[in-house]
Amino acid sequence: MKLILTQEVTGLGGAGDVIEVKDGYGRNYLLPRGLATPWTKGGQKQVDALTKGRETRAIRDLDTAKDVKGRLEAQSVQVPAKAGESGRLFGAISSGDIAAAVKAAGGPELDKRKIEVKHAIKTVGSYEATVRLHPEVAATVKFEVVPA
């Protein structure tokens, strides 16, 4: 099945990319969630126009992403969470919690879908998360989970 991605999908590509996937994956996952649209000749013309515009903005966006990366990696972030006496959290820290904590600490506003945490955070302590700012730029955010 040939599809045009409308949003970035990890492992497949970014918005505007034309991809070939198995029918079941496209029909049952990508299309219902609005992550892709069926490929057509008219759609291909729109993709070509978007790609041309994206290439002109990419250089400017790359410089901005590098600046944001420097600010994020130099920043110290604390994520408050409810915790028991042993340091175990009531629940887990999500990427949305991390994005809110970065913004509260004076950092840039981040899209929670671009934040990747390697494993579930369920205890108090220091952790790292990767933020995809640009296809070529990824920043590592160091944060500390503290009891609220």
N, C-alpha and C. Protein backbone atom coordinates (compact mmCIF):
# COMPACT_ATOMS: atom_id res chain seq x y z
N MET A 1 0.85 -1.16 0.00
CA MET A 1 0.00 0.00 0.00
C MET A 1 0.90 1.23 0.00
N LYS A 2 0.63 2.16 -0.89
CA LYS A 2 1.42 3.36 -1.01
C LYS A 2 0.68 4.50 -0.30
N LEU A 3 1.38 5.17 0.64
CA LEU A 3 0.77 6.22 1.45
C LEU A 3 1.66 7.45 1.49
N ILE A 4 1.04 8.58 1.84
CA ILE A 4 1.76 9.83 2.08
C ILE A 4 1.62 10.14 3.56
N LEU A 5 2.74 10.26 4.27
CA LEU A 5 2.70 10.55 5.71
C LEU A 5 2.26 12.00 5.94
N THR A 6 1.38 12.20 6.92
CA THR A 6 0.95 13.55 7.27
C THR A 6 1.67 14.06 8.52
N GLN A 7 2.27 13.14 9.29
CA GLN A 7 3.05 13.48 10.48
C GLN A 7 4.28 12.61 10.50
N GLU A 8 5.24 12.98 11.34
CA GLU A 8 6.44 12.16 11.48
C GLU A 8 6.09 10.89 12.23
N VAL A 9 6.53 9.76 11.69
CA VAL A 9 6.32 8.46 12.33
C VAL A 9 7.70 7.83 12.50
N THR A 10 8.07 7.53 13.74
CA THR A 10 9.39 6.96 14.02
C THR A 10 9.58 5.67 13.25
N GLY A 11 10.66 5.59 12.54
CA GLY A 11 10.98 4.38 11.78
C GLY A 11 10.47 4.38 10.36
N LEU A 12 9.57 5.31 10.02
CA LEU A 12 9.04 5.36 8.66
C LEU A 12 9.49 6.60 7.91
N GLY A 13 9.33 7.77 8.52
CA GLY A 13 9.73 9.00 7.85
C GLY A 13 8.99 10.19 8.41
N GLY A 14 9.15 11.32 7.74
CA GLY A 14 8.55 12.57 8.19
C GLY A 14 7.34 12.93 7.35
N ALA A 15 6.71 14.03 7.72
CA ALA A 15 5.52 14.49 7.00
C ALA A 15 5.86 14.76 5.54
N GLY A 16 5.00 14.27 4.65
CA GLY A 16 5.21 14.48 3.22
C GLY A 16 5.96 13.36 2.54
N ASP A 17 6.51 12.43 3.28
CA ASP A 17 7.23 11.32 2.67
C ASP A 17 6.25 10.31 2.08
N VAL A 18 6.59 9.78 0.91
CA VAL A 18 5.79 8.73 0.28
C VAL A 18 6.42 7.40 0.69
N ILE A 19 5.60 6.54 1.30
CA ILE A 19 6.12 5.26 1.81
C ILE A 19 5.31 4.11 1.26
N GLU A 20 5.90 2.95 1.31
CA GLU A 20 5.23 1.70 0.90
C GLU A 20 5.19 0.81 2.14
N VAL A 21 3.97 0.47 2.62
CA VAL A 21 3.82 -0.37 3.80
C VAL A 21 2.86 -1.51 3.48
N LYS A 22 2.82 -2.48 4.37
CA LYS A 22 1.89 -3.60 4.20
C LYS A 22 0.46 -3.08 4.37
N ASP A 23 -0.47 -3.71 3.68
CA ASP A 23 -1.86 -3.25 3.66
C ASP A 23 -2.48 -3.15 5.06
N GLY A 24 -2.27 -4.16 5.88
CA GLY A 24 -2.87 -4.17 7.22
C GLY A 24 -2.36 -3.05 8.10
N TYR A 25 -1.07 -2.77 8.05
CA TYR A 25 -0.47 -1.70 8.86
C TYR A 25 -1.03 -0.34 8.43
N GLY A 26 -1.12 -0.14 7.13
CA GLY A 26 -1.66 1.12 6.63
C GLY A 26 -3.14 1.28 6.95
N ARG A 27 -3.91 0.25 6.68
CA ARG A 27 -5.37 0.31 6.84
C ARG A 27 -5.79 0.34 8.30
N ASN A 28 -5.09 -0.40 9.17
CA ASN A 28 -5.52 -0.52 10.56
C ASN A 28 -4.83 0.41 11.53
N TYR A 29 -3.67 0.98 11.16
CA TYR A 29 -2.94 1.84 12.09
C TYR A 29 -2.75 3.26 11.56
N LEU A 30 -2.10 3.38 10.41
CA LEU A 30 -1.74 4.71 9.91
C LEU A 30 -2.94 5.54 9.48
N LEU A 31 -3.82 4.97 8.69
CA LEU A 31 -4.97 5.73 8.18
C LEU A 31 -5.97 6.13 9.28
N PRO A 32 -6.40 5.22 10.17
CA PRO A 32 -7.37 5.62 11.19
C PRO A 32 -6.85 6.69 12.16
N ARG A 33 -5.55 6.71 12.41
CA ARG A 33 -4.98 7.69 13.34
C ARG A 33 -4.62 9.00 12.66
N GLY A 34 -4.84 9.09 11.37
CA GLY A 34 -4.55 10.32 10.64
C GLY A 34 -3.07 10.56 10.41
N LEU A 35 -2.26 9.51 10.52
CA LEU A 35 -0.83 9.65 10.32
C LEU A 35 -0.44 9.61 8.84
N ALA A 36 -1.37 9.17 7.98
CA ALA A 36 -1.08 9.06 6.56
C ALA A 36 -2.37 9.20 5.76
N THR A 37 -2.20 9.50 4.47
CA THR A 37 -3.33 9.53 3.53
C THR A 37 -2.96 8.67 2.34
N PRO A 38 -3.95 8.15 1.63
CA PRO A 38 -3.63 7.33 0.46
C PRO A 38 -2.89 8.14 -0.61
N TRP A 39 -1.98 7.48 -1.33
CA TRP A 39 -1.21 8.14 -2.37
C TRP A 39 -2.05 8.28 -3.62
N THR A 40 -2.02 9.46 -4.22
CA THR A 40 -2.67 9.72 -5.51
C THR A 40 -1.73 10.60 -6.33
N LYS A 41 -2.01 10.74 -7.64
CA LYS A 41 -1.18 11.59 -8.48
C LYS A 41 -1.27 13.05 -8.02
N GLY A 42 -2.47 13.50 -7.67
CA GLY A 42 -2.65 14.86 -7.16
C GLY A 42 -1.94 15.06 -5.84
N GLY A 43 -1.99 14.05 -5.00
CA GLY A 43 -1.30 14.10 -3.73
C GLY A 43 0.20 14.17 -3.92
N GLN A 44 0.70 13.49 -4.94
CA GLN A 44 2.13 13.52 -5.22
C GLN A 44 2.58 14.92 -5.61
N LYS A 45 1.74 15.65 -6.37
CA LYS A 45 2.08 17.03 -6.75
C LYS A 45 2.16 17.91 -5.51
N GLN A 46 1.26 17.72 -4.56
CA GLN A 46 1.29 18.49 -3.32
C GLN A 46 2.55 18.17 -2.52
N VAL A 47 2.92 16.89 -2.50
CA VAL A 47 4.13 16.47 -1.78
C VAL A 47 5.35 17.13 -2.40
N ASP A 48 5.42 17.19 -3.72
CA ASP A 48 6.56 17.82 -4.38
C ASP A 48 6.65 19.30 -4.02
N ALA A 49 5.51 19.99 -3.97
CA ALA A 49 5.50 21.42 -3.60
C ALA A 49 5.93 21.59 -2.14
N LEU A 50 5.45 20.72 -1.26
CA LEU A 50 5.83 20.80 0.16
C LEU A 50 7.32 20.53 0.34
N THR A 51 7.84 19.57 -0.38
CA THR A 51 9.26 19.22 -0.28
C THR A 51 10.14 20.39 -0.71
N LYS A 52 9.75 21.06 -1.78
CA LYS A 52 10.52 22.21 -2.26
C LYS A 52 10.53 23.32 -1.21
N GLY A 53 9.38 23.60 -0.60
CA GLY A 53 9.31 24.62 0.45
C GLY A 53 10.07 24.21 1.70
N ARG A 54 10.03 22.92 2.03
CA ARG A 54 10.70 22.42 3.22
C ARG A 54 12.22 22.53 3.08
N GLU A 55 12.73 22.30 1.89
CA GLU A 55 14.18 22.38 1.67
C GLU A 55 14.70 23.79 1.91
N THR A 56 13.92 24.80 1.53
CA THR A 56 14.38 26.18 1.74
C THR A 56 14.36 26.54 3.23
N ARG A 57 13.40 25.99 3.97
CA ARG A 57 13.32 26.28 5.41
C ARG A 57 14.26 25.41 6.23
N ALA A 58 14.73 24.29 5.69
CA ALA A 58 15.53 23.34 6.47
C ALA A 58 16.83 23.95 6.97
N ILE A 59 17.49 24.75 6.15
CA ILE A 59 18.76 25.33 6.57
C ILE A 59 18.53 26.28 7.74
N ARG A 60 17.51 27.11 7.65
CA ARG A 60 17.19 28.04 8.73
C ARG A 60 16.79 27.28 9.99
N ASP A 61 15.99 26.23 9.83
CA ASP A 61 15.54 25.44 10.98
C ASP A 61 16.71 24.68 11.63
N LEU A 62 17.68 24.27 10.85
CA LEU A 62 18.82 23.54 11.39
C LEU A 62 19.63 24.42 12.35
N ASP A 63 19.85 25.67 11.96
CA ASP A 63 20.57 26.59 12.84
C ASP A 63 19.80 26.84 14.13
N THR A 64 18.49 27.01 14.02
CA THR A 64 17.64 27.22 15.19
C THR A 64 17.68 26.00 16.10
N ALA A 65 17.61 24.81 15.50
CA ALA A 65 17.63 23.57 16.29
C ALA A 65 18.95 23.42 17.04
N LYS A 66 20.05 23.82 16.43
CA LYS A 66 21.35 23.73 17.11
C LYS A 66 21.41 24.69 18.29
N ASP A 67 20.82 25.88 18.14
CA ASP A 67 20.77 26.84 19.25
C ASP A 67 19.93 26.29 20.40
N VAL A 68 18.77 25.72 20.07
CA VAL A 68 17.88 25.16 21.09
C VAL A 68 18.56 23.98 21.78
N LYS A 69 19.31 23.17 21.02
CA LYS A 69 20.03 22.04 21.60
C LYS A 69 21.02 22.51 22.65
N GLY A 70 21.77 23.57 22.35
CA GLY A 70 22.73 24.10 23.31
C GLY A 70 22.06 24.58 24.59
N ARG A 71 20.91 25.24 24.45
CA ARG A 71 20.19 25.73 25.62
C ARG A 71 19.64 24.57 26.45
N LEU A 72 19.10 23.55 25.78
CA LEU A 72 18.51 22.42 26.50
C LEU A 72 19.57 21.63 27.27
N GLU A 73 20.71 21.40 26.65
CA GLU A 73 21.74 20.59 27.30
C GLU A 73 22.42 21.31 28.45
N ALA A 74 22.36 22.66 28.46
CA ALA A 74 22.97 23.43 29.54
C ALA A 74 22.00 23.66 30.70
N GLN A 75 20.74 23.35 30.49
CA GLN A 75 19.69 23.65 31.47
C GLN A 75 19.52 22.51 32.47
N SER A 76 19.25 22.88 33.73
CA SER A 76 18.92 21.86 34.73
C SER A 76 17.41 21.90 34.97
N VAL A 77 16.80 20.74 34.91
CA VAL A 77 15.34 20.64 35.00
C VAL A 77 14.97 19.72 36.15
N GLN A 78 13.99 20.14 36.93
CA GLN A 78 13.46 19.30 38.00
C GLN A 78 12.00 19.00 37.70
N VAL A 79 11.65 17.73 37.79
CA VAL A 79 10.28 17.29 37.54
C VAL A 79 9.68 16.85 38.87
N PRO A 80 8.74 17.64 39.42
CA PRO A 80 8.13 17.23 40.69
C PRO A 80 7.07 16.15 40.46
N ALA A 81 7.02 15.18 41.38
CA ALA A 81 6.04 14.10 41.28
C ALA A 81 5.72 13.57 42.68
N LYS A 82 4.53 13.06 42.83
CA LYS A 82 4.14 12.46 44.12
C LYS A 82 4.90 11.16 44.30
N ALA A 83 5.52 11.02 45.47
CA ALA A 83 6.33 9.83 45.73
C ALA A 83 6.11 9.35 47.16
N GLY A 84 6.31 8.06 47.37
CA GLY A 84 6.22 7.48 48.70
C GLY A 84 7.52 7.69 49.46
N GLU A 85 7.57 7.18 50.68
CA GLU A 85 8.76 7.35 51.52
C GLU A 85 9.99 6.67 50.92
N SER A 86 9.80 5.58 50.21
CA SER A 86 10.93 4.84 49.64
C SER A 86 11.44 5.45 48.33
N GLY A 87 10.77 6.50 47.85
CA GLY A 87 11.19 7.13 46.61
C GLY A 87 10.48 6.61 45.38
N ARG A 88 9.56 5.68 45.57
CA ARG A 88 8.79 5.14 44.45
C ARG A 88 7.65 6.10 44.13
N LEU A 89 7.44 6.38 42.84
CA LEU A 89 6.42 7.33 42.42
C LEU A 89 5.04 6.68 42.38
N PHE A 90 4.03 7.52 42.59
CA PHE A 90 2.64 7.10 42.41
C PHE A 90 2.31 7.36 40.94
N GLY A 91 2.57 6.39 40.09
CA GLY A 91 2.42 6.57 38.65
C GLY A 91 3.79 6.62 38.02
N ALA A 92 3.88 7.23 36.84
CA ALA A 92 5.16 7.33 36.13
C ALA A 92 5.29 8.71 35.51
N ILE A 93 6.50 9.09 35.19
CA ILE A 93 6.76 10.36 34.53
C ILE A 93 6.58 10.16 33.03
N SER A 94 5.76 11.00 32.41
CA SER A 94 5.52 10.89 30.97
C SER A 94 6.31 11.96 30.22
N SER A 95 6.31 11.85 28.92
CA SER A 95 7.00 12.86 28.11
C SER A 95 6.31 14.21 28.23
N GLY A 96 5.01 14.22 28.47
CA GLY A 96 4.30 15.48 28.69
C GLY A 96 4.75 16.17 29.97
N ASP A 97 5.02 15.38 31.01
CA ASP A 97 5.54 15.94 32.27
C ASP A 97 6.92 16.58 32.06
N ILE A 98 7.74 15.93 31.26
CA ILE A 98 9.09 16.44 30.99
C ILE A 98 9.00 17.74 30.20
N ALA A 99 8.12 17.78 29.18
CA ALA A 99 7.96 18.99 28.38
C ALA A 99 7.48 20.15 29.24
N ALA A 100 6.54 19.90 30.16
CA ALA A 100 6.03 20.95 31.04
C ALA A 100 7.12 21.44 31.99
N ALA A 101 7.95 20.53 32.49
CA ALA A 101 9.02 20.91 33.41
C ALA A 101 10.09 21.75 32.71
N VAL A 102 10.40 21.42 31.46
CA VAL A 102 11.38 22.20 30.69
C VAL A 102 10.86 23.62 30.47
N LYS A 103 9.58 23.73 30.13
CA LYS A 103 8.99 25.05 29.91
C LYS A 103 8.95 25.84 31.22
N ALA A 104 8.62 25.18 32.33
CA ALA A 104 8.56 25.85 33.63
C ALA A 104 9.95 26.32 34.08
N ALA A 105 11.00 25.62 33.65
CA ALA A 105 12.36 26.00 34.03
C ALA A 105 12.92 27.11 33.13
N GLY A 106 12.09 27.62 32.23
CA GLY A 106 12.53 28.70 31.37
C GLY A 106 13.06 28.26 30.02
N GLY A 107 12.86 27.01 29.69
CA GLY A 107 13.34 26.49 28.40
C GLY A 107 12.30 26.66 27.32
N PRO A 108 12.60 26.21 26.11
CA PRO A 108 11.66 26.32 25.00
C PRO A 108 10.49 25.35 25.16
N GLU A 109 9.40 25.65 24.46
CA GLU A 109 8.25 24.75 24.49
C GLU A 109 8.55 23.58 23.56
N LEU A 110 8.42 22.37 24.10
CA LEU A 110 8.74 21.15 23.35
C LEU A 110 7.47 20.37 23.05
N ASP A 111 7.47 19.68 21.93
CA ASP A 111 6.37 18.80 21.57
C ASP A 111 6.60 17.47 22.29
N LYS A 112 5.64 17.03 23.07
CA LYS A 112 5.82 15.81 23.86
C LYS A 112 6.03 14.58 22.98
N ARG A 113 5.57 14.63 21.74
CA ARG A 113 5.75 13.49 20.83
C ARG A 113 7.19 13.37 20.34
N LYS A 114 7.98 14.42 20.51
CA LYS A 114 9.37 14.41 20.06
C LYS A 114 10.33 14.00 21.18
N ILE A 115 9.80 13.75 22.39
CA ILE A 115 10.63 13.38 23.53
C ILE A 115 10.62 11.86 23.66
N GLU A 116 11.81 11.27 23.72
CA GLU A 116 11.93 9.82 23.83
C GLU A 116 12.64 9.47 25.14
N VAL A 117 11.99 8.64 25.95
CA VAL A 117 12.57 8.16 27.20
C VAL A 117 12.81 6.67 27.02
N LYS A 118 14.00 6.19 27.37
CA LYS A 118 14.36 4.79 27.11
C LYS A 118 13.55 3.79 27.91
N HIS A 119 13.24 4.11 29.16
CA HIS A 119 12.47 3.19 29.98
C HIS A 119 11.53 4.00 30.89
N ALA A 120 10.54 3.33 31.44
CA ALA A 120 9.57 4.00 32.31
C ALA A 120 10.26 4.55 33.56
N ILE A 121 9.89 5.76 33.92
CA ILE A 121 10.48 6.42 35.09
C ILE A 121 9.50 6.29 36.24
N LYS A 122 9.84 5.48 37.22
CA LYS A 122 8.93 5.20 38.33
C LYS A 122 9.55 5.45 39.70
N THR A 123 10.78 6.00 39.74
CA THR A 123 11.42 6.29 41.01
C THR A 123 12.06 7.67 40.96
N VAL A 124 12.33 8.22 42.12
CA VAL A 124 13.00 9.51 42.24
C VAL A 124 14.46 9.34 41.84
N GLY A 125 15.02 10.32 41.11
CA GLY A 125 16.42 10.24 40.73
C GLY A 125 16.73 11.07 39.50
N SER A 126 17.93 10.92 38.96
CA SER A 126 18.36 11.65 37.78
C SER A 126 18.21 10.78 36.54
N TYR A 127 17.72 11.39 35.46
CA TYR A 127 17.46 10.66 34.21
C TYR A 127 17.83 11.52 33.02
N GLU A 128 17.82 10.90 31.85
CA GLU A 128 18.06 11.58 30.59
C GLU A 128 16.97 11.21 29.61
N ALA A 129 16.65 12.15 28.73
CA ALA A 129 15.69 11.92 27.66
C ALA A 129 16.25 12.54 26.39
N THR A 130 15.90 11.96 25.25
CA THR A 130 16.33 12.48 23.96
C THR A 130 15.19 13.26 23.33
N VAL A 131 15.49 14.45 22.83
CA VAL A 131 14.49 15.28 22.16
C VAL A 131 14.92 15.44 20.71
N ARG A 132 14.04 15.02 19.78
CA ARG A 132 14.32 15.17 18.35
C ARG A 132 13.86 16.57 17.92
N LEU A 133 14.80 17.49 17.77
CA LEU A 133 14.48 18.86 17.41
C LEU A 133 14.40 19.04 15.89
N HIS A 134 15.16 18.25 15.17
CA HIS A 134 15.27 18.34 13.71
C HIS A 134 15.72 16.96 13.25
N PRO A 135 15.46 16.58 12.01
CA PRO A 135 15.92 15.25 11.59
C PRO A 135 17.42 15.02 11.79
N GLU A 136 18.23 16.09 11.79
CA GLU A 136 19.66 15.95 11.96
C GLU A 136 20.14 16.33 13.36
N VAL A 137 19.25 16.86 14.21
CA VAL A 137 19.66 17.36 15.52
C VAL A 137 18.79 16.72 16.61
N ALA A 138 19.46 16.07 17.57
CA ALA A 138 18.78 15.52 18.73
C ALA A 138 19.52 16.00 19.97
N ALA A 139 18.76 16.47 20.95
CA ALA A 139 19.36 16.98 22.18
C ALA A 139 19.10 16.00 23.31
N THR A 140 20.02 15.94 24.27
CA THR A 140 19.85 15.11 25.46
C THR A 140 19.52 16.02 26.62
N VAL A 141 18.34 15.82 27.19
CA VAL A 141 17.90 16.64 28.31
C VAL A 141 18.12 15.84 29.59
N LYS A 142 18.86 16.43 30.52
CA LYS A 142 19.08 15.80 31.82
C LYS A 142 18.11 16.43 32.81
N PHE A 143 17.39 15.56 33.53
CA PHE A 143 16.41 16.08 34.49
C PHE A 143 16.43 15.22 35.73
N GLU A 144 15.93 15.80 36.80
CA GLU A 144 15.89 15.12 38.08
C GLU A 144 14.44 15.04 38.55
N VAL A 145 14.01 13.85 38.90
CA VAL A 145 12.67 13.66 39.45
C VAL A 145 12.77 13.84 40.96
N VAL A 146 11.99 14.80 41.48
CA VAL A 146 12.02 15.11 42.90
C VAL A 146 10.63 14.90 43.49
N PRO A 147 10.55 14.50 44.77
CA PRO A 147 9.24 14.34 45.39
C PRO A 147 8.55 15.69 45.56
N ALA A 148 7.26 15.72 45.28
CA ALA A 148 6.49 16.96 45.37
C ALA A 148 5.97 17.17 46.79
